[in-house]
Amino acid sequence: MSVIANTPKPPYFAVIFTSTRTEGDNGYDDMANRMVELAEQQPGFLGIESARENVGITVSYWADLESIKNWKANTEHLTAQKIGRKSWYDSFKVRISKVERDYGI
């Protein structure tokens, strides 16, 4: 996977997940990798970008709001969300936005 997602011509949607972590891995890395694999299989998934230092930011790109809704409701993803609230995150915020323009080299 490329570090920068190869997204289509806008419009499309971005889910921005910002978080601060608890101490220790506690299975986080394995689950994070599994969530990327699972998201890639979901209809409407367009790509993902992620970075972490003191604050983690993961942006996933989706074709439409229905695809985002279906991803949020995925059974395995729901399990990861529950564990995340209990074990992995001190805090987090999810933002959903519509991408109207993009450009780059």
N, C-alpha and C. Protein backbone atom coordinates (compact mmCIF):
# COMPACT_ATOMS: atom_id res chain seq x y z
N MET A 1 0.84 -1.18 0.00
CA MET A 1 0.00 0.00 0.00
C MET A 1 0.89 1.24 0.00
N SER A 2 0.53 2.21 -0.79
CA SER A 2 1.24 3.49 -0.83
C SER A 2 1.01 4.24 0.48
N VAL A 3 1.95 5.10 0.84
CA VAL A 3 1.81 5.92 2.05
C VAL A 3 0.69 6.94 1.86
N ILE A 4 0.58 7.49 0.65
CA ILE A 4 -0.49 8.44 0.32
C ILE A 4 -1.51 7.71 -0.55
N ALA A 5 -2.76 7.73 -0.13
CA ALA A 5 -3.82 7.02 -0.85
C ALA A 5 -4.01 7.60 -2.25
N ASN A 6 -4.22 6.73 -3.19
CA ASN A 6 -4.50 7.11 -4.57
C ASN A 6 -6.02 7.18 -4.74
N THR A 7 -6.58 8.34 -4.48
CA THR A 7 -8.03 8.52 -4.49
C THR A 7 -8.51 8.97 -5.87
N PRO A 8 -9.79 8.74 -6.16
CA PRO A 8 -10.35 9.14 -7.45
C PRO A 8 -10.63 10.64 -7.48
N LYS A 9 -11.12 11.10 -8.60
CA LYS A 9 -11.54 12.49 -8.73
C LYS A 9 -12.70 12.75 -7.76
N PRO A 10 -12.64 13.87 -7.01
CA PRO A 10 -13.73 14.19 -6.07
C PRO A 10 -15.05 14.42 -6.81
N PRO A 11 -16.14 14.33 -6.09
CA PRO A 11 -16.25 14.25 -4.63
C PRO A 11 -16.18 12.81 -4.13
N TYR A 12 -15.68 12.67 -2.92
CA TYR A 12 -15.70 11.43 -2.14
C TYR A 12 -15.65 11.86 -0.68
N PHE A 13 -15.62 10.92 0.23
CA PHE A 13 -15.70 11.24 1.65
C PHE A 13 -14.46 10.75 2.40
N ALA A 14 -14.14 11.46 3.48
CA ALA A 14 -13.02 11.10 4.34
C ALA A 14 -13.53 10.92 5.77
N VAL A 15 -13.09 9.83 6.39
CA VAL A 15 -13.34 9.61 7.81
C VAL A 15 -12.00 9.86 8.50
N ILE A 16 -11.97 10.85 9.36
CA ILE A 16 -10.74 11.26 10.05
C ILE A 16 -10.85 10.79 11.50
N PHE A 17 -9.98 9.84 11.87
CA PHE A 17 -9.98 9.28 13.22
C PHE A 17 -8.72 9.77 13.92
N THR A 18 -8.90 10.60 14.94
CA THR A 18 -7.79 11.17 15.71
C THR A 18 -7.84 10.56 17.10
N SER A 19 -6.66 10.14 17.61
CA SER A 19 -6.68 9.45 18.91
C SER A 19 -5.40 9.68 19.70
N THR A 20 -5.55 9.50 21.01
CA THR A 20 -4.41 9.36 21.91
C THR A 20 -4.52 7.97 22.52
N ARG A 21 -3.39 7.31 22.68
CA ARG A 21 -3.35 5.91 23.10
C ARG A 21 -3.06 5.74 24.58
N THR A 22 -3.46 4.59 25.09
CA THR A 22 -3.06 4.14 26.42
C THR A 22 -1.65 3.54 26.30
N GLU A 23 -1.05 3.21 27.43
CA GLU A 23 0.27 2.59 27.44
C GLU A 23 0.18 1.14 26.96
N GLY A 24 1.24 0.69 26.27
CA GLY A 24 1.33 -0.71 25.86
C GLY A 24 0.56 -1.00 24.59
N ASP A 25 0.89 -2.12 23.98
CA ASP A 25 0.27 -2.52 22.72
C ASP A 25 -1.07 -3.20 22.95
N ASN A 26 -1.10 -4.16 23.86
CA ASN A 26 -2.34 -4.88 24.21
C ASN A 26 -3.10 -5.41 23.00
N GLY A 27 -2.36 -5.85 21.96
CA GLY A 27 -2.99 -6.39 20.76
C GLY A 27 -3.40 -5.35 19.74
N TYR A 28 -3.05 -4.09 19.99
CA TYR A 28 -3.49 -3.00 19.12
C TYR A 28 -2.95 -3.14 17.69
N ASP A 29 -1.65 -3.37 17.54
CA ASP A 29 -1.06 -3.41 16.20
C ASP A 29 -1.69 -4.51 15.33
N ASP A 30 -1.89 -5.69 15.92
CA ASP A 30 -2.51 -6.77 15.16
C ASP A 30 -3.93 -6.39 14.73
N MET A 31 -4.69 -5.80 15.64
CA MET A 31 -6.06 -5.42 15.30
C MET A 31 -6.08 -4.29 14.28
N ALA A 32 -5.18 -3.33 14.41
CA ALA A 32 -5.12 -2.23 13.44
C ALA A 32 -4.84 -2.77 12.04
N ASN A 33 -3.90 -3.69 11.94
CA ASN A 33 -3.59 -4.30 10.64
C ASN A 33 -4.79 -5.06 10.09
N ARG A 34 -5.49 -5.78 10.97
CA ARG A 34 -6.68 -6.51 10.54
C ARG A 34 -7.77 -5.56 10.06
N MET A 35 -7.94 -4.42 10.73
CA MET A 35 -8.96 -3.47 10.32
C MET A 35 -8.67 -2.89 8.94
N VAL A 36 -7.39 -2.65 8.64
CA VAL A 36 -7.03 -2.17 7.30
C VAL A 36 -7.37 -3.23 6.26
N GLU A 37 -6.99 -4.48 6.54
CA GLU A 37 -7.31 -5.58 5.61
C GLU A 37 -8.82 -5.68 5.39
N LEU A 38 -9.58 -5.59 6.47
CA LEU A 38 -11.03 -5.70 6.38
C LEU A 38 -11.64 -4.51 5.65
N ALA A 39 -11.18 -3.30 5.95
CA ALA A 39 -11.70 -2.11 5.27
C ALA A 39 -11.46 -2.19 3.77
N GLU A 40 -10.30 -2.69 3.38
CA GLU A 40 -9.97 -2.81 1.95
C GLU A 40 -10.95 -3.71 1.20
N GLN A 41 -11.63 -4.59 1.91
CA GLN A 41 -12.59 -5.52 1.31
C GLN A 41 -14.00 -4.93 1.22
N GLN A 42 -14.21 -3.78 1.86
CA GLN A 42 -15.55 -3.20 1.94
C GLN A 42 -15.90 -2.44 0.67
N PRO A 43 -17.13 -2.61 0.16
CA PRO A 43 -17.57 -1.81 -0.98
C PRO A 43 -17.48 -0.33 -0.65
N GLY A 44 -16.97 0.44 -1.58
CA GLY A 44 -16.86 1.89 -1.42
C GLY A 44 -15.56 2.36 -0.81
N PHE A 45 -14.72 1.44 -0.32
CA PHE A 45 -13.43 1.83 0.26
C PHE A 45 -12.51 2.32 -0.85
N LEU A 46 -11.83 3.47 -0.60
CA LEU A 46 -10.96 4.06 -1.62
C LEU A 46 -9.49 4.10 -1.22
N GLY A 47 -9.19 4.10 0.07
CA GLY A 47 -7.80 4.15 0.52
C GLY A 47 -7.70 4.60 1.96
N ILE A 48 -6.46 4.58 2.48
CA ILE A 48 -6.24 4.94 3.87
C ILE A 48 -4.85 5.53 4.05
N GLU A 49 -4.73 6.46 4.97
CA GLU A 49 -3.45 7.06 5.35
C GLU A 49 -3.42 7.14 6.87
N SER A 50 -2.24 6.90 7.46
CA SER A 50 -2.17 6.89 8.92
C SER A 50 -0.80 7.36 9.39
N ALA A 51 -0.79 8.08 10.51
CA ALA A 51 0.46 8.54 11.13
C ALA A 51 0.24 8.60 12.64
N ARG A 52 1.30 8.30 13.39
CA ARG A 52 1.18 8.36 14.84
C ARG A 52 2.49 8.82 15.44
N GLU A 53 2.39 9.79 16.33
CA GLU A 53 3.49 10.15 17.22
C GLU A 53 2.83 10.32 18.57
N ASN A 54 2.61 11.51 19.04
CA ASN A 54 1.85 11.70 20.28
C ASN A 54 0.36 11.56 20.04
N VAL A 55 -0.08 11.98 18.87
CA VAL A 55 -1.47 11.87 18.45
C VAL A 55 -1.51 11.03 17.19
N GLY A 56 -2.43 10.09 17.12
CA GLY A 56 -2.59 9.29 15.92
C GLY A 56 -3.67 9.89 15.05
N ILE A 57 -3.42 9.90 13.75
CA ILE A 57 -4.42 10.37 12.79
C ILE A 57 -4.50 9.33 11.67
N THR A 58 -5.68 8.78 11.50
CA THR A 58 -5.93 7.85 10.39
C THR A 58 -7.07 8.44 9.58
N VAL A 59 -6.84 8.55 8.28
CA VAL A 59 -7.88 9.05 7.37
C VAL A 59 -8.19 7.93 6.39
N SER A 60 -9.44 7.50 6.39
CA SER A 60 -9.88 6.54 5.38
C SER A 60 -10.81 7.25 4.41
N TYR A 61 -10.75 6.84 3.16
CA TYR A 61 -11.51 7.49 2.09
C TYR A 61 -12.56 6.53 1.56
N TRP A 62 -13.75 7.08 1.31
CA TRP A 62 -14.90 6.28 0.94
C TRP A 62 -15.67 6.94 -0.19
N ALA A 63 -16.31 6.13 -1.00
CA ALA A 63 -17.06 6.63 -2.16
C ALA A 63 -18.30 7.42 -1.76
N ASP A 64 -18.95 7.00 -0.66
CA ASP A 64 -20.21 7.64 -0.27
C ASP A 64 -20.49 7.41 1.21
N LEU A 65 -21.50 8.10 1.72
CA LEU A 65 -21.85 8.00 3.13
C LEU A 65 -22.40 6.62 3.49
N GLU A 66 -23.08 5.98 2.56
CA GLU A 66 -23.61 4.63 2.81
C GLU A 66 -22.48 3.64 3.06
N SER A 67 -21.39 3.75 2.33
CA SER A 67 -20.23 2.88 2.53
C SER A 67 -19.63 3.08 3.93
N ILE A 68 -19.58 4.33 4.37
CA ILE A 68 -19.07 4.64 5.71
C ILE A 68 -19.99 4.03 6.76
N LYS A 69 -21.28 4.17 6.58
CA LYS A 69 -22.27 3.62 7.52
C LYS A 69 -22.12 2.10 7.62
N ASN A 70 -21.94 1.45 6.48
CA ASN A 70 -21.78 -0.01 6.47
C ASN A 70 -20.48 -0.43 7.14
N TRP A 71 -19.41 0.32 6.95
CA TRP A 71 -18.14 0.01 7.60
C TRP A 71 -18.28 0.17 9.11
N LYS A 72 -18.89 1.22 9.56
CA LYS A 72 -19.08 1.44 11.00
C LYS A 72 -19.86 0.29 11.62
N ALA A 73 -20.80 -0.30 10.89
CA ALA A 73 -21.65 -1.37 11.40
C ALA A 73 -21.07 -2.77 11.19
N ASN A 74 -19.92 -2.90 10.54
CA ASN A 74 -19.30 -4.21 10.32
C ASN A 74 -19.04 -4.89 11.67
N THR A 75 -19.44 -6.15 11.79
CA THR A 75 -19.36 -6.87 13.06
C THR A 75 -17.95 -6.90 13.64
N GLU A 76 -16.97 -7.21 12.83
CA GLU A 76 -15.58 -7.27 13.32
C GLU A 76 -15.08 -5.88 13.71
N HIS A 77 -15.49 -4.87 12.94
CA HIS A 77 -15.12 -3.49 13.26
C HIS A 77 -15.78 -3.05 14.56
N LEU A 78 -17.03 -3.45 14.80
CA LEU A 78 -17.71 -3.14 16.06
C LEU A 78 -16.96 -3.71 17.25
N THR A 79 -16.45 -4.93 17.10
CA THR A 79 -15.65 -5.54 18.17
C THR A 79 -14.40 -4.73 18.44
N ALA A 80 -13.70 -4.31 17.38
CA ALA A 80 -12.50 -3.49 17.54
C ALA A 80 -12.83 -2.16 18.21
N GLN A 81 -13.97 -1.56 17.85
CA GLN A 81 -14.37 -0.30 18.47
C GLN A 81 -14.57 -0.48 19.98
N LYS A 82 -15.22 -1.56 20.36
CA LYS A 82 -15.49 -1.83 21.78
C LYS A 82 -14.18 -2.02 22.55
N ILE A 83 -13.26 -2.80 21.99
CA ILE A 83 -11.96 -3.00 22.65
C ILE A 83 -11.20 -1.69 22.72
N GLY A 84 -11.26 -0.90 21.66
CA GLY A 84 -10.57 0.39 21.62
C GLY A 84 -11.02 1.31 22.73
N ARG A 85 -12.31 1.40 22.93
CA ARG A 85 -12.84 2.27 24.01
C ARG A 85 -12.37 1.79 25.38
N LYS A 86 -12.29 0.47 25.55
CA LYS A 86 -11.94 -0.11 26.84
C LYS A 86 -10.43 -0.15 27.09
N SER A 87 -9.62 -0.43 26.05
CA SER A 87 -8.22 -0.77 26.28
C SER A 87 -7.18 0.09 25.57
N TRP A 88 -7.49 0.66 24.41
CA TRP A 88 -6.45 1.25 23.58
C TRP A 88 -6.40 2.77 23.57
N TYR A 89 -7.52 3.43 23.82
CA TYR A 89 -7.57 4.88 23.63
C TYR A 89 -7.84 5.62 24.94
N ASP A 90 -7.03 6.64 25.18
CA ASP A 90 -7.35 7.61 26.24
C ASP A 90 -8.45 8.54 25.75
N SER A 91 -8.35 8.91 24.47
CA SER A 91 -9.37 9.77 23.85
C SER A 91 -9.36 9.55 22.35
N PHE A 92 -10.47 9.86 21.71
CA PHE A 92 -10.53 9.81 20.25
C PHE A 92 -11.66 10.69 19.75
N LYS A 93 -11.58 11.02 18.49
CA LYS A 93 -12.61 11.82 17.83
C LYS A 93 -12.71 11.31 16.39
N VAL A 94 -13.94 11.18 15.89
CA VAL A 94 -14.18 10.79 14.51
C VAL A 94 -14.86 11.96 13.81
N ARG A 95 -14.32 12.33 12.66
CA ARG A 95 -14.91 13.39 11.84
C ARG A 95 -15.13 12.84 10.43
N ILE A 96 -16.25 13.18 9.85
CA ILE A 96 -16.55 12.75 8.48
C ILE A 96 -16.72 14.00 7.64
N SER A 97 -16.01 14.02 6.52
CA SER A 97 -16.08 15.21 5.67
C SER A 97 -16.18 14.80 4.20
N LYS A 98 -16.73 15.71 3.42
CA LYS A 98 -16.82 15.52 1.99
C LYS A 98 -15.61 16.21 1.35
N VAL A 99 -14.88 15.48 0.53
CA VAL A 99 -13.74 16.05 -0.19
C VAL A 99 -14.27 16.62 -1.50
N GLU A 100 -14.11 17.93 -1.65
CA GLU A 100 -14.58 18.63 -2.85
C GLU A 100 -13.47 18.80 -3.88
N ARG A 101 -12.23 18.96 -3.38
CA ARG A 101 -11.08 19.15 -4.27
C ARG A 101 -9.89 18.40 -3.68
N ASP A 102 -9.02 17.93 -4.57
CA ASP A 102 -7.72 17.45 -4.15
C ASP A 102 -6.72 17.70 -5.27
N TYR A 103 -5.48 17.85 -4.89
CA TYR A 103 -4.43 18.05 -5.89
C TYR A 103 -3.10 17.70 -5.25
N GLY A 104 -2.09 17.47 -6.06
CA GLY A 104 -0.77 17.13 -5.55
C GLY A 104 0.15 16.71 -6.68
N ILE A 105 1.32 16.24 -6.30
CA ILE A 105 2.28 15.75 -7.29
C ILE A 105 2.55 14.28 -7.06
